[in-house]
Protein backbone atom coordinates (compact mmCIF):
# COMPACT_ATOMS: atom_id res chain seq x y z
CA MET A 1 0.00 -0.01 -0.03
CA ASN A 2 1.45 3.32 -1.20
CA PHE A 3 1.78 6.30 1.11
CA PHE A 4 -1.34 8.10 -0.15
CA LYS A 5 -3.51 5.17 0.54
CA ARG A 6 -2.03 4.50 3.86
CA ARG A 7 -2.69 8.25 4.68
CA GLN A 8 -6.41 7.89 3.52
CA LEU A 9 -6.82 4.62 5.52
CA LYS A 10 -5.43 6.14 8.71
CA LYS A 11 -8.13 8.87 8.48
CA GLN A 12 -10.81 6.34 7.99
CA VAL A 13 -9.64 4.32 10.87
CA LYS A 14 -9.41 7.28 13.11
CA GLN A 15 -12.88 8.57 12.23
CA THR A 16 -14.52 5.10 12.38
CA LEU A 17 -13.00 4.42 15.92
CA HIS A 18 -14.17 7.90 17.04
CA ASP A 19 -17.65 7.30 15.91
CA ALA A 20 -17.80 3.80 17.52
CA ARG A 21 -16.60 5.29 20.78
CA HIS A 22 -19.19 7.96 20.57
CA ALA A 23 -22.00 5.47 19.98
CA ARG A 24 -20.70 3.31 23.03
CA HIS A 25 -20.46 6.22 25.34
CA MET A 26 -23.89 7.62 24.30
CA ARG A 27 -25.79 4.08 24.68
CA GLU A 28 -23.64 1.93 27.19
CA ASP A 29 -26.15 2.74 30.06
CA VAL A 30 -29.29 1.61 28.11
CA ALA A 31 -28.05 -0.69 25.36
CA ASP A 32 -28.22 -4.58 25.50
CA PRO A 33 -24.79 -6.11 26.97
CA GLY A 34 -24.40 -8.41 23.93
CA PRO A 35 -24.19 -5.60 21.26
CA LEU A 36 -21.99 -3.64 23.58
CA GLN A 37 -19.57 -6.29 24.05
CA ALA A 38 -19.49 -6.93 20.21
CA LEU A 39 -18.72 -3.28 19.80
CA ARG A 40 -15.80 -3.29 22.17
CA GLU A 41 -14.44 -6.51 20.52
CA ALA A 42 -14.63 -4.82 17.12
CA GLU A 43 -12.88 -1.79 18.33
CA ALA A 44 -10.20 -3.81 19.79
CA ALA A 45 -9.72 -5.70 16.64
CA THR A 46 -9.36 -2.64 14.51
CA ARG A 47 -6.91 -1.03 16.87
CA ALA A 48 -4.75 -4.22 17.06
CA ALA A 49 -4.74 -4.46 13.21
CA TRP A 50 -3.57 -0.80 12.89
CA LYS A 51 -1.02 -1.15 15.52
CA GLN A 52 0.56 -4.30 13.92
CA ARG A 53 0.43 -2.36 10.39
CA ASP A 54 -1.73 -4.92 8.92
CA TYR A 55 -3.37 -2.66 6.68
CA ALA A 56 -5.52 -5.09 4.97
CA ALA A 57 -6.99 -6.48 8.19
CA ALA A 58 -7.50 -2.96 9.42
CA GLU A 59 -9.41 -2.03 6.21
CA ALA A 60 -11.42 -5.13 6.44
CA SER A 61 -12.49 -4.48 10.21
CA LEU A 62 -13.95 -1.15 9.42
CA GLU A 63 -17.32 -2.35 7.89
CA PRO A 64 -17.91 -4.89 10.95
CA LEU A 65 -17.05 -2.08 13.30
CA MET A 66 -19.56 0.19 11.77
CA ALA A 67 -22.24 -2.48 11.76
CA CYS A 68 -21.68 -3.04 15.43
CA ALA A 69 -21.74 0.70 16.22
CA ARG A 70 -25.05 0.92 14.20
CA GLU A 71 -26.63 -1.80 16.26
CA VAL A 72 -25.76 0.00 19.51
CA TYR A 73 -26.50 3.44 18.34
CA PRO A 74 -28.88 3.38 15.31
CA VAL A 75 -27.96 6.06 12.67
CA LYS A 76 -30.13 9.22 12.82
CA SER A 77 -30.54 11.90 10.25
CA ASN A 78 -27.62 14.59 10.26
CA PRO A 79 -25.51 12.79 12.97
CA ARG A 80 -22.63 15.28 12.47
CA ILE A 81 -25.07 18.33 13.08
CA ARG A 82 -26.50 16.62 15.89
CA GLU A 83 -23.04 15.92 17.48
CA TYR A 84 -22.10 19.75 17.06
CA VAL A 85 -25.58 20.77 18.65
CA GLU A 86 -24.69 18.47 21.74
CA ILE A 87 -21.12 20.23 21.98
CA ALA A 88 -22.91 23.67 21.67
CA VAL A 89 -25.49 22.85 24.36
CA VAL A 90 -22.72 21.69 26.86
CA ALA A 91 -20.73 24.83 26.15
CA ILE A 92 -23.72 27.09 26.67
CA SER A 93 -24.57 25.33 29.88
CA VAL A 94 -21.08 25.60 31.09
CA ALA A 95 -21.08 29.43 30.34
CA MET A 96 -24.36 29.91 32.01
CA ALA A 97 -23.29 28.19 35.03
CA PHE A 98 -20.03 30.18 35.23
CA ARG A 99 -22.18 33.37 34.62
CA THR A 100 -24.56 32.47 37.50
CA PHE A 101 -22.02 31.52 40.15
CA PHE A 102 -18.63 33.11 39.34
CA VAL A 103 -18.66 36.12 36.90
CA GLN A 104 -21.61 38.08 35.49
CA PRO A 105 -21.43 40.83 32.98
CA PHE A 106 -23.25 44.10 33.26
CA LYS A 107 -23.43 47.36 31.36
CA ILE A 108 -23.54 50.84 32.63
CA PRO A 109 -26.73 52.70 31.55
CA THR A 110 -26.30 56.24 33.27
CA GLY A 111 -23.77 58.75 34.44
CA SER A 112 -24.28 58.03 38.11
CA MET A 113 -20.74 56.60 38.56
CA GLU A 114 -18.85 59.23 36.49
CA PRO A 115 -15.95 59.74 36.04
CA THR A 116 -15.16 56.09 37.45
CA LEU A 117 -17.61 54.47 35.04
CA TYR A 118 -19.45 55.96 32.04
CA GLY A 119 -22.95 55.14 30.85
CA VAL A 120 -24.37 55.81 27.45
CA LYS A 121 -23.10 59.30 26.19
CA VAL A 122 -24.37 61.35 23.20
CA GLU A 123 -22.27 64.14 21.80
CA PRO A 124 -23.50 66.51 19.07
CA GLN A 125 -21.86 66.13 15.57
CA VAL A 126 -22.75 67.32 12.29
CA GLY A 127 -21.91 65.25 9.39
CA ARG A 128 -19.91 62.11 9.03
CA GLY A 129 -16.11 61.91 9.79
CA LEU A 130 -13.48 59.60 8.45
CA MET A 131 -14.34 56.81 10.96
CA ASP A 132 -17.98 57.01 10.15
CA ARG A 133 -17.80 55.56 6.66
CA PHE A 134 -18.00 51.92 6.08
CA PRO A 135 -15.96 49.66 6.82
CA LEU A 136 -14.22 52.07 9.17
CA THR A 137 -17.38 52.59 11.26
CA LEU A 138 -17.32 48.80 12.06
CA VAL A 139 -13.76 49.25 13.55
CA SER A 140 -14.81 52.26 15.63
CA LEU A 141 -17.99 50.38 16.79
CA ALA A 142 -16.25 47.26 17.76
CA LEU A 143 -13.20 48.71 19.55
CA PHE A 144 -14.56 52.00 21.00
CA GLY A 145 -18.20 51.35 21.19
CA ASP A 146 -19.21 54.68 19.28
CA ARG A 147 -21.27 55.41 16.12
CA TYR A 148 -22.43 58.41 14.24
CA VAL A 149 -26.42 58.59 14.28
CA GLU A 150 -28.71 60.73 12.23
CA ILE A 151 -32.51 61.18 12.83
CA ARG A 152 -34.38 61.97 9.64
CA ALA A 153 -38.14 62.85 9.18
CA ALA A 154 -40.21 59.87 8.60
CA ARG A 155 -42.66 61.99 7.04
CA SER A 156 -43.37 65.57 6.11
CA GLY A 157 -45.10 67.98 8.53
CA VAL A 158 -44.61 70.63 11.05
CA ILE A 159 -42.31 70.39 14.12
CA GLU A 160 -44.34 71.06 17.36
CA GLN A 161 -42.99 71.67 20.78
CA LEU A 162 -44.84 69.82 23.77
CA VAL A 163 -44.34 69.71 27.26
CA ARG A 164 -44.42 66.37 29.02
CA ASP A 165 -43.53 65.60 32.50
CA GLU A 166 -42.08 68.95 32.78
CA THR A 167 -39.74 68.29 29.89
CA TYR A 168 -39.76 69.70 26.41
CA ILE A 169 -40.33 67.40 23.56
CA TYR A 170 -40.82 67.70 19.88
CA SER A 171 -43.44 65.99 17.65
CA LEU A 172 -43.76 65.57 14.08
CA ASN A 173 -47.45 65.05 13.05
CA GLY A 174 -48.16 63.68 16.48
CA VAL A 175 -45.12 61.21 16.25
CA VAL A 176 -42.07 61.84 18.60
CA PRO A 177 -38.92 61.14 16.77
CA PRO A 178 -36.33 59.12 18.68
CA PHE A 179 -34.24 62.01 19.58
CA ARG A 180 -31.47 61.56 22.24
CA PRO A 181 -30.43 64.31 24.63
CA GLY A 182 -27.09 65.85 23.55
CA MET A 183 -27.71 65.47 19.80
CA ALA A 184 -27.17 68.50 17.45
CA GLN A 185 -30.61 69.63 16.51
CA HIS A 186 -31.19 70.89 12.95
CA PHE A 187 -34.69 72.37 13.33
CA SER A 188 -36.79 74.81 15.34
CA PRO A 189 -40.24 74.61 16.57
CA GLY A 190 -42.76 75.58 13.78
CA ASP A 191 -40.48 74.33 10.97
CA ASN A 192 -42.03 72.71 7.88
CA VAL A 193 -39.78 69.63 7.00
CA GLN A 194 -40.07 67.23 4.24
CA GLN A 195 -39.74 63.44 4.47
CA GLY A 196 -36.08 62.49 4.68
CA ASP A 197 -34.83 65.89 6.01
CA LEU A 198 -32.16 65.64 8.75
CA LEU A 199 -33.54 66.45 12.15
CA ALA A 200 -30.77 65.58 14.54
CA SER A 201 -27.35 64.06 14.58
CA GLY A 202 -24.72 62.92 17.09
CA ARG A 203 -22.26 60.67 18.31
CA VAL A 204 -23.54 57.78 20.50
CA ARG A 205 -21.03 56.19 22.83
CA ALA A 206 -21.86 52.87 24.53
CA GLY A 207 -21.69 52.66 28.13
CA ASP A 208 -18.90 50.63 29.95
CA HIS A 209 -19.38 47.04 29.98
CA ILE A 210 -17.97 45.26 33.21
CA PHE A 211 -17.63 41.97 35.02
CA VAL A 212 -18.87 41.46 38.48
CA ASN A 213 -17.31 38.91 40.79
CA ARG A 214 -20.33 37.13 42.30
CA LEU A 215 -18.09 34.75 44.26
CA ARG A 216 -15.91 37.00 46.38
CA TYR A 217 -18.57 38.26 48.88
CA ASN A 218 -19.27 34.64 49.71
CA PHE A 219 -15.85 34.46 51.38
CA ILE A 220 -14.94 38.08 52.25
CA ARG A 221 -17.18 40.66 53.40
CA PRO A 222 -17.91 43.75 51.47
CA ARG A 223 -15.37 46.56 51.87
CA ARG A 224 -15.62 50.34 52.00
CA GLY A 225 -14.77 51.78 48.79
CA ASP A 226 -15.67 48.83 46.62
CA VAL A 227 -17.71 49.70 43.38
CA PHE A 228 -20.35 46.95 43.85
CA VAL A 229 -23.70 45.75 42.20
CA PHE A 230 -26.77 45.05 44.36
CA ARG A 231 -30.40 44.11 43.73
CA THR A 232 -33.14 46.56 44.18
CA ASP A 233 -35.41 43.99 45.89
CA GLY A 234 -37.07 45.43 49.06
CA ILE A 235 -36.20 49.13 48.02
CA THR A 236 -39.48 51.20 48.27
CA HIS A 237 -38.81 54.41 46.30
CA PRO A 238 -41.03 55.68 43.45
CA GLN A 239 -38.14 56.04 41.02
CA VAL A 240 -36.22 52.83 41.72
CA LYS A 241 -37.31 49.86 39.59
CA GLU A 242 -37.97 46.58 41.29
CA ASP A 243 -36.21 43.38 40.50
CA THR A 244 -33.23 45.14 38.76
CA TYR A 245 -29.54 45.85 39.44
CA TYR A 246 -27.72 49.02 40.46
CA ILE A 247 -24.08 49.81 40.69
CA LYS A 248 -22.83 52.37 43.16
CA ARG A 249 -19.76 52.75 45.51
CA LEU A 250 -19.99 51.13 48.98
CA VAL A 251 -19.42 53.98 51.39
CA ALA A 252 -20.62 52.85 54.74
CA LEU A 253 -20.88 49.56 56.73
CA PRO A 254 -23.44 47.85 59.00
CA ASP A 255 -24.21 49.70 62.47
CA GLU A 256 -22.52 52.94 61.23
CA GLN A 257 -24.09 56.39 61.44
CA VAL A 258 -23.78 58.44 58.18
CA SER A 259 -24.39 62.17 57.32
CA ILE A 260 -23.23 64.37 54.65
CA ASP A 261 -21.07 67.60 55.08
CA PRO A 262 -20.61 68.69 51.49
CA PRO A 263 -18.38 67.75 49.89
CA TYR A 264 -17.42 65.17 52.69
CA LEU A 265 -19.21 62.08 53.85
CA VAL A 266 -19.32 61.80 57.68
CA ILE A 267 -19.01 58.41 59.36
CA ASN A 268 -19.75 58.13 63.04
CA GLY A 269 -18.98 61.78 63.42
CA GLN A 270 -15.68 61.72 61.43
CA ARG A 271 -14.93 62.95 57.93
CA LEU A 272 -14.31 59.82 55.66
CA VAL A 273 -10.80 60.07 54.17
CA GLU A 274 -9.95 56.25 54.08
CA PRO A 275 -9.57 54.04 52.13
CA ASP A 276 -7.46 56.24 49.86
CA VAL A 277 -9.90 55.97 47.05
CA PHE A 278 -12.26 58.70 48.70
CA ARG A 279 -9.26 61.25 49.32
CA ARG A 280 -7.61 60.47 45.90
CA GLN A 281 -10.71 60.25 43.67
CA VAL A 282 -13.98 61.36 45.20
CA TYR A 283 -12.80 64.49 46.88
CA ALA A 284 -10.48 65.52 44.09
CA ALA A 285 -11.35 68.78 42.42
CA ASP A 286 -9.61 67.72 39.23
CA LYS A 287 -10.24 64.34 37.40
CA GLY A 288 -13.89 65.21 37.26
CA TYR A 289 -14.94 64.11 40.83
CA GLN A 290 -16.95 66.52 42.81
CA GLY A 291 -17.54 65.16 46.24
CA TYR A 292 -20.80 64.40 47.80
CA VAL A 293 -23.80 66.74 47.68
CA LEU A 294 -27.17 66.60 49.51
CA PRO A 295 -30.23 65.57 47.54
CA PRO A 296 -32.99 68.29 47.24
CA THR A 297 -35.52 66.04 48.42
CA GLY A 298 -36.17 62.37 49.54
CA THR A 299 -35.32 60.10 52.48
CA GLY A 300 -32.15 58.32 53.76
CA VAL A 301 -29.29 60.63 54.40
CA PRO A 302 -30.64 64.01 53.57
CA THR A 303 -29.25 66.75 55.56
CA PRO A 304 -31.54 69.69 55.46
CA PRO A 305 -29.69 72.09 53.08
CA PHE A 306 -31.08 75.18 54.77
CA THR A 307 -30.71 74.46 58.32
CA HIS A 308 -27.54 73.96 60.83
CA GLN A 309 -28.84 70.67 62.03
CA ARG A 310 -27.57 67.68 59.97
CA SER A 311 -29.69 64.51 59.71
CA VAL A 312 -28.05 61.21 60.35
CA LEU A 313 -28.89 57.71 58.80
CA GLN A 314 -28.26 54.90 61.22
CA LEU A 315 -27.45 51.72 59.27
CA GLY A 316 -28.89 48.23 60.31
CA SER A 317 -26.66 45.38 61.31
CA THR A 318 -26.85 43.91 57.81
CA GLU A 319 -27.10 47.07 55.84
CA TYR A 320 -24.65 48.72 53.48
CA LEU A 321 -24.94 52.25 52.01
CA PRO A 322 -24.47 52.74 48.32
CA LEU A 323 -23.66 56.24 46.81
CA GLY A 324 -22.86 57.25 43.29
CA ASP A 325 -19.41 59.04 42.68
CA ASN A 326 -21.59 61.44 40.73
CA THR A 327 -24.04 62.41 43.55
CA ARG A 328 -25.28 65.22 41.36
CA GLN A 329 -26.93 62.91 39.19
CA SER A 330 -27.38 59.73 41.09
CA LEU A 331 -30.34 57.93 42.69
CA ASP A 332 -28.71 56.23 45.53
CA GLY A 333 -28.86 55.55 49.17
CA ARG A 334 -29.34 59.28 49.94
CA TYR A 335 -32.80 58.59 48.81
CA PHE A 336 -33.62 55.04 49.91
CA GLY A 337 -31.06 54.31 52.52
CA GLY A 338 -29.03 51.16 53.11
CA VAL A 339 -29.10 47.87 51.05
CA ASP A 340 -29.42 44.55 52.92
CA ARG A 341 -26.51 42.02 52.72
CA GLU A 342 -28.75 39.49 51.07
CA ASN A 343 -29.14 41.83 47.99
CA VAL A 344 -25.54 42.48 47.51
CA VAL A 345 -24.30 40.71 44.33
CA GLY A 346 -20.43 41.30 44.21
CA PRO A 347 -17.87 43.95 43.34
CA ALA A 348 -17.15 45.15 39.87
CA VAL A 349 -13.67 44.12 38.80
CA ILE A 350 -12.99 44.88 35.25
CA VAL A 351 -14.18 47.17 32.25
CA TYR A 352 -13.82 44.74 29.29
CA TRP A 353 -15.50 46.91 26.61
CA PRO A 354 -15.29 49.43 25.08
CA LEU A 355 -11.46 50.51 24.84
CA SER A 356 -11.15 53.76 26.77
CA ARG A 357 -8.99 55.29 29.66
CA ARG A 358 -11.18 53.19 32.04
CA TRP A 359 -10.45 49.86 30.29
CA GLY A 360 -9.20 47.26 32.84
CA ARG A 361 -9.33 47.05 36.48
CA ILE A 362 -11.98 49.19 38.33
CA ARG A 363 -10.83 51.27 41.28
């Protein structure tokens, strides 16, 4: 037998043994002992013939081996596709288990943790730049999570200005276009527009996507200064969605008394400066941090802003206080108080996308 025929036979032997082994593993707990034993003997015969370089015997043993495998595990339609599906199901199950018990991805929707973490940002932009043309736009989106967006009139009509929930909105023939705050506006109220006219444009940047360590707090208690994720179960506040997740900085621990003396956080009567993250980041006038401010209304920690008496929040024995780094735009513990330990998910550890100065370890 020449080299090329031996090479082809080797592939056939390898594939047939693989299929036979797969059939045996899939059915050995339910198949009859007789066919199973015959399959094992046929496998052994093929391996022995190939090991002894008896190529004629190896080739002759393939058909009986395949017959034994089919008796144990009858051939079904598209067997190769079925095998790939099985592998995919196992891989997805492992990934879901890993996500549930070890590491869970989240994305930042708002700016409550700026400048530590960024939510979705919209910046005005008129016209496409170099990176906004195919295929470069795919590179910009894949690496940096930003894209140029234009809103055009879906129909002809007149732009009307309305007030809804104390906010100005714009309507075109009774339909509100999908404007994003921060876009460049190319119209004025009362303008007549034609179908296809450019109404607004801007650059939309994706919020930071992070990984959260779900395992760590099973062994180590949450630490002051951690950026952590918690469930909103049990929080009673009209603006807090039930059964969702928030991400904030953990600033106070169980049984502590908390108040705010802008821009400082006061714990048990002492201004908080440790760990270093509070002195280095939260209180720094540069780098975008502005310290802690009092909420205009609400419950929790609110110090009455127009009196000399400061309110104090007493945390319970299992409660942790979450505050956003950007307290000027954060719905946090100043409004709803502490979060119970059973609702704490874990610390945020890494920004994995998009690429930015925040990419990598979260501090």
